[in-house]
Protein backbone atom coordinates (compact mmCIF):
# COMPACT_ATOMS: atom_id res chain seq x y z
CA MET A 1 97.07 -52.53 24.10
CA GLU A 2 94.62 -49.98 24.63
CA HIS A 3 91.80 -49.51 22.81
CA LEU A 4 91.55 -46.72 20.13
CA LEU A 5 88.15 -45.43 18.46
CA LEU A 6 87.94 -44.12 15.24
CA LEU A 7 85.28 -41.63 14.18
CA HIS A 8 84.17 -40.69 10.71
CA GLY A 9 83.17 -37.17 9.20
CA ALA A 10 80.03 -36.14 7.98
CA LEU A 11 78.99 -38.56 5.26
CA GLY A 12 81.73 -40.90 6.09
CA ALA A 13 82.32 -44.29 6.89
CA LYS A 14 84.55 -46.57 8.78
CA ASP A 15 86.38 -47.54 5.02
CA GLN A 16 87.86 -44.33 4.50
CA PHE A 17 90.22 -45.21 7.46
CA GLU A 18 91.82 -48.36 6.26
CA PRO A 19 95.20 -46.75 5.46
CA LEU A 20 94.99 -45.46 8.83
CA VAL A 21 93.95 -48.97 10.32
CA GLU A 22 97.54 -49.93 8.54
CA GLN A 23 99.65 -47.90 10.81
CA LEU A 24 97.95 -48.09 14.15
CA LYS A 25 96.89 -51.94 14.24
CA ASN A 26 100.50 -52.97 15.77
CA ASP A 27 99.92 -50.05 18.86
CA PHE A 28 96.75 -50.41 19.76
CA ILE A 29 93.04 -52.44 19.67
CA ILE A 30 91.31 -50.18 16.86
CA HIS A 31 87.65 -49.85 16.13
CA PRO A 32 87.16 -48.19 13.37
CA LEU A 33 82.82 -47.40 13.20
CA ASN A 34 79.55 -46.36 11.45
CA PHE A 35 77.33 -43.24 12.81
CA SER A 36 73.67 -44.53 12.18
CA ALA A 37 72.69 -43.42 8.35
CA HIS A 38 76.25 -43.95 7.43
CA GLY A 39 78.29 -46.73 5.50
CA GLY A 40 74.82 -48.95 4.75
CA GLU A 41 73.97 -48.91 8.59
CA ALA A 42 69.97 -47.89 9.05
CA ILE A 43 68.85 -44.74 8.77
CA PRO A 44 66.57 -43.76 11.77
CA GLY A 45 62.96 -42.11 11.27
CA SER A 46 64.03 -39.68 13.73
CA ALA A 47 66.49 -36.71 13.03
CA LEU A 48 70.07 -37.67 13.07
CA SER A 49 72.31 -35.36 15.80
CA ILE A 50 75.41 -35.37 17.65
CA GLU A 51 73.59 -36.64 20.52
CA MET A 52 72.35 -39.86 18.78
CA TYR A 53 75.70 -40.47 17.08
CA ALA A 54 77.37 -40.28 21.44
CA LYS A 55 74.93 -43.04 21.70
CA ASP A 56 76.00 -45.00 18.35
CA VAL A 57 79.68 -44.80 20.10
CA LEU A 58 78.24 -45.76 23.84
CA HIS A 59 76.33 -49.07 22.12
CA TYR A 60 79.41 -50.13 20.08
CA MET A 61 81.66 -49.96 23.56
CA SER A 62 78.84 -51.50 25.43
CA THR A 63 78.99 -54.87 23.05
CA HIS A 64 82.53 -55.23 22.54
CA ASN A 65 82.89 -54.75 26.42
CA ILE A 66 84.89 -51.61 26.16
CA GLU A 67 85.01 -49.88 29.68
CA GLN A 68 87.30 -47.30 28.39
CA ALA A 69 88.79 -46.23 24.84
CA ASN A 70 90.92 -43.74 23.46
CA ILE A 71 88.61 -41.77 20.53
CA PHE A 72 90.30 -40.24 17.28
CA GLY A 73 87.41 -38.22 15.60
CA TYR A 74 87.86 -36.67 12.53
CA SER A 75 85.69 -33.85 11.26
CA MET A 76 82.26 -34.17 12.49
CA GLY A 77 83.43 -37.18 14.39
CA GLY A 78 85.65 -34.95 16.39
CA TYR A 79 82.80 -32.92 17.69
CA VAL A 80 81.30 -36.37 18.65
CA GLY A 81 84.16 -37.14 20.49
CA MET A 82 84.26 -33.91 22.42
CA TYR A 83 80.63 -34.17 23.36
CA MET A 84 81.46 -37.64 24.90
CA ALA A 85 84.32 -35.97 26.71
CA LYS A 86 82.01 -33.71 27.96
CA TYR A 87 78.99 -35.70 29.06
CA PHE A 88 80.71 -39.09 29.36
CA ALA A 89 84.44 -38.82 30.58
CA GLY A 90 84.38 -41.87 32.48
CA LYS A 91 84.47 -43.58 28.78
CA LEU A 92 87.69 -41.55 27.47
CA VAL A 93 91.21 -41.92 27.67
CA LYS A 94 92.27 -39.51 25.33
CA LEU A 95 90.93 -37.64 22.55
CA ILE A 96 92.45 -36.70 19.00
CA THR A 97 90.27 -34.60 16.69
CA LEU A 98 91.01 -33.59 13.22
CA ALA A 99 89.84 -30.88 11.20
CA SER A 100 87.04 -30.76 13.65
CA LYS A 101 84.76 -27.43 13.13
CA PHE A 102 83.36 -26.79 16.67
CA HIS A 103 82.15 -22.88 16.47
CA TRP A 104 78.00 -23.15 15.05
CA ASP A 105 75.81 -20.66 14.00
CA GLU A 106 73.11 -20.11 11.48
CA VAL A 107 75.15 -18.48 8.90
CA ILE A 108 77.99 -21.28 8.95
CA ALA A 109 75.10 -24.21 8.74
CA ALA A 110 73.34 -22.12 6.08
CA ARG A 111 76.65 -22.07 3.97
CA GLU A 112 77.42 -26.21 4.80
CA ILE A 113 74.09 -27.00 3.67
CA LYS A 114 74.44 -25.19 0.02
CA MET A 115 77.53 -28.17 -0.43
CA LEU A 116 74.98 -30.39 0.00
CA ASP A 117 72.64 -30.14 -3.16
CA ALA A 118 72.30 -33.85 -4.15
CA ALA A 119 71.41 -32.56 -7.84
CA ALA A 120 74.50 -30.06 -7.73
CA ILE A 121 77.02 -33.20 -6.28
CA GLU A 122 75.56 -35.58 -9.97
CA LEU A 123 75.76 -32.66 -12.56
CA LYS A 124 79.31 -31.29 -11.01
CA VAL A 125 81.17 -34.04 -9.04
CA PRO A 126 79.97 -37.14 -10.48
CA ALA A 127 82.38 -39.23 -9.00
CA PHE A 128 81.71 -37.78 -5.82
CA ALA A 129 77.88 -39.19 -6.27
CA GLN A 130 79.05 -42.15 -7.16
CA GLN A 131 81.50 -43.02 -4.50
CA LEU A 132 78.44 -41.96 -1.79
CA ALA A 133 76.30 -44.54 -3.38
CA ILE A 134 78.65 -47.33 -3.10
CA ARG A 135 79.92 -45.81 0.60
CA HIS A 136 76.25 -45.53 2.11
CA ALA A 137 74.37 -48.59 -0.16
CA PRO A 138 72.50 -49.92 0.58
CA ASN A 139 70.80 -46.33 1.25
CA ASP A 140 69.78 -43.89 0.08
CA TRP A 141 72.84 -41.52 0.04
CA LYS A 142 70.76 -38.22 -1.32
CA LEU A 143 68.44 -38.88 2.36
CA LEU A 144 71.76 -39.29 3.78
CA LEU A 145 72.51 -35.98 2.35
CA GLN A 146 68.97 -34.29 3.56
CA LYS A 147 69.13 -35.62 7.30
CA THR A 148 72.48 -34.31 7.45
CA ALA A 149 71.28 -31.05 6.35
CA GLU A 150 68.62 -31.00 8.82
CA MET A 151 71.22 -31.92 11.45
CA MET A 152 73.47 -29.25 10.65
CA LYS A 153 70.64 -26.73 10.56
CA ASN A 154 69.78 -27.98 14.05
CA LEU A 155 73.44 -27.29 15.35
CA GLY A 156 72.96 -23.60 13.55
CA SER A 157 70.31 -22.89 15.53
CA ASN A 158 71.31 -24.53 19.25
CA ASN A 159 75.43 -25.63 18.89
CA ILE A 160 75.27 -28.21 21.95
CA LEU A 161 78.58 -27.58 22.99
CA LYS A 162 78.89 -23.92 24.10
CA PRO A 163 82.33 -22.25 25.17
CA GLU A 164 82.47 -22.80 28.16
CA ASP A 165 81.61 -26.52 28.18
CA TYR A 166 84.86 -27.10 26.98
CA THR A 167 86.13 -25.66 30.49
CA THR A 168 85.05 -28.50 32.02
CA ILE A 169 86.61 -31.23 29.73
CA ALA A 170 89.15 -33.15 31.82
CA ALA A 171 90.14 -35.71 29.05
CA PRO A 172 94.06 -35.07 28.09
CA SER A 173 93.38 -33.64 24.28
CA LEU A 174 94.63 -32.94 21.15
CA ILE A 175 93.47 -30.92 18.69
CA MET A 176 94.67 -31.05 14.80
CA LEU A 177 94.02 -28.93 11.76
CA GLY A 178 95.50 -28.21 8.26
CA ASP A 179 97.02 -25.45 7.42
CA ARG A 180 94.86 -25.92 3.97
CA ASP A 181 91.87 -26.22 5.27
CA LYS A 182 88.84 -24.45 4.05
CA MET A 183 85.83 -25.89 5.91
CA VAL A 184 87.70 -25.43 9.00
CA THR A 185 89.13 -21.99 10.76
CA LEU A 186 92.36 -21.62 12.80
CA ASP A 187 90.56 -19.28 14.63
CA GLU A 188 87.95 -21.02 16.12
CA THR A 189 90.43 -24.35 16.73
CA VAL A 190 92.82 -21.84 18.28
CA THR A 191 89.49 -20.84 20.67
CA ILE A 192 88.77 -24.26 21.64
CA TYR A 193 92.52 -24.79 22.43
CA LYS A 194 92.59 -21.99 24.88
CA LYS A 195 89.26 -23.23 26.51
CA LEU A 196 90.43 -26.89 26.82
CA PRO A 197 92.30 -27.43 30.25
CA HIS A 198 94.65 -30.52 29.36
CA VAL A 199 95.19 -30.02 25.70
CA GLN A 200 97.47 -30.05 22.82
CA MET A 201 97.32 -28.33 19.50
CA ALA A 202 99.10 -29.12 16.12
CA VAL A 203 99.01 -27.68 12.64
CA LEU A 204 99.25 -30.37 9.52
CA PRO A 205 101.42 -28.51 6.76
CA ASN A 206 100.38 -28.87 3.34
CA THR A 207 96.87 -30.24 4.51
CA PRO A 208 93.34 -29.78 3.35
CA HIS A 209 90.45 -30.98 4.97
CA PRO A 210 89.14 -34.08 2.90
CA LEU A 211 90.58 -36.92 5.10
CA GLU A 212 92.24 -38.75 2.01
CA GLN A 213 94.58 -35.89 1.28
CA VAL A 214 95.82 -36.28 4.70
CA ASN A 215 99.38 -37.29 4.73
CA ILE A 216 98.51 -40.64 6.71
CA ASP A 217 102.14 -41.09 7.91
CA LEU A 218 102.78 -37.78 9.40
CA LEU A 219 98.59 -38.61 11.17
CA SER A 220 99.75 -41.74 12.66
CA TYR A 221 102.71 -40.70 14.03
CA MET A 222 101.01 -37.78 16.02
CA ILE A 223 98.67 -40.33 17.36
CA LYS A 224 101.11 -42.30 18.65
CA GLN A 225 103.41 -40.09 20.14
CA PHE A 226 99.93 -38.00 21.81
CA LEU A 227 98.61 -41.64 22.93
CA ARG A 228 102.16 -42.56 24.76
CA GLN A 229 102.25 -39.88 26.53
């Protein structure tokens, strides 16, 4: 069976993929992994970045003797997957993304950073604050929020994947977006769809941004169909 890496989004962790793993484990060798500072992984002293997360993937592949793999990336994980497809093409077989924001500028970064206010999260959505504390223990989830905000600010001032970069990505790709996603626009997704040479696109019905609200049966079906082609 082929290897399939599952890459989570910002503030996420590999435990979020458990329902998807159950759907896919009989078809692929599944590898959900945590990025640096997520899911209890050590918080580095340096800034978090897409480049760092790509190194996490390469390190995981090396330590597990994986020469090539398919990648499914949710949200930020999809951006990391696309970065891998651009700069480490030999490591990828196929790439699938869901709900990934490809366009970053200073205005977008500022808007996203506003949602990373730890005090506001504790006050308005205490259940989410508790979830973050549990998901990233023993790390301080508030420090993770701070470092994620810094990463987004850096992306806003220097989006590391420019529009022209996508035209040289050779890996067959499937980019997906939920029709009710309020964080990623259809326009930016279509823009990247038009740039990639070997790409398919899907819009999932009645699907908002959070992974927990995605229809896992539908998502697993889309993944299987694309990877079996």
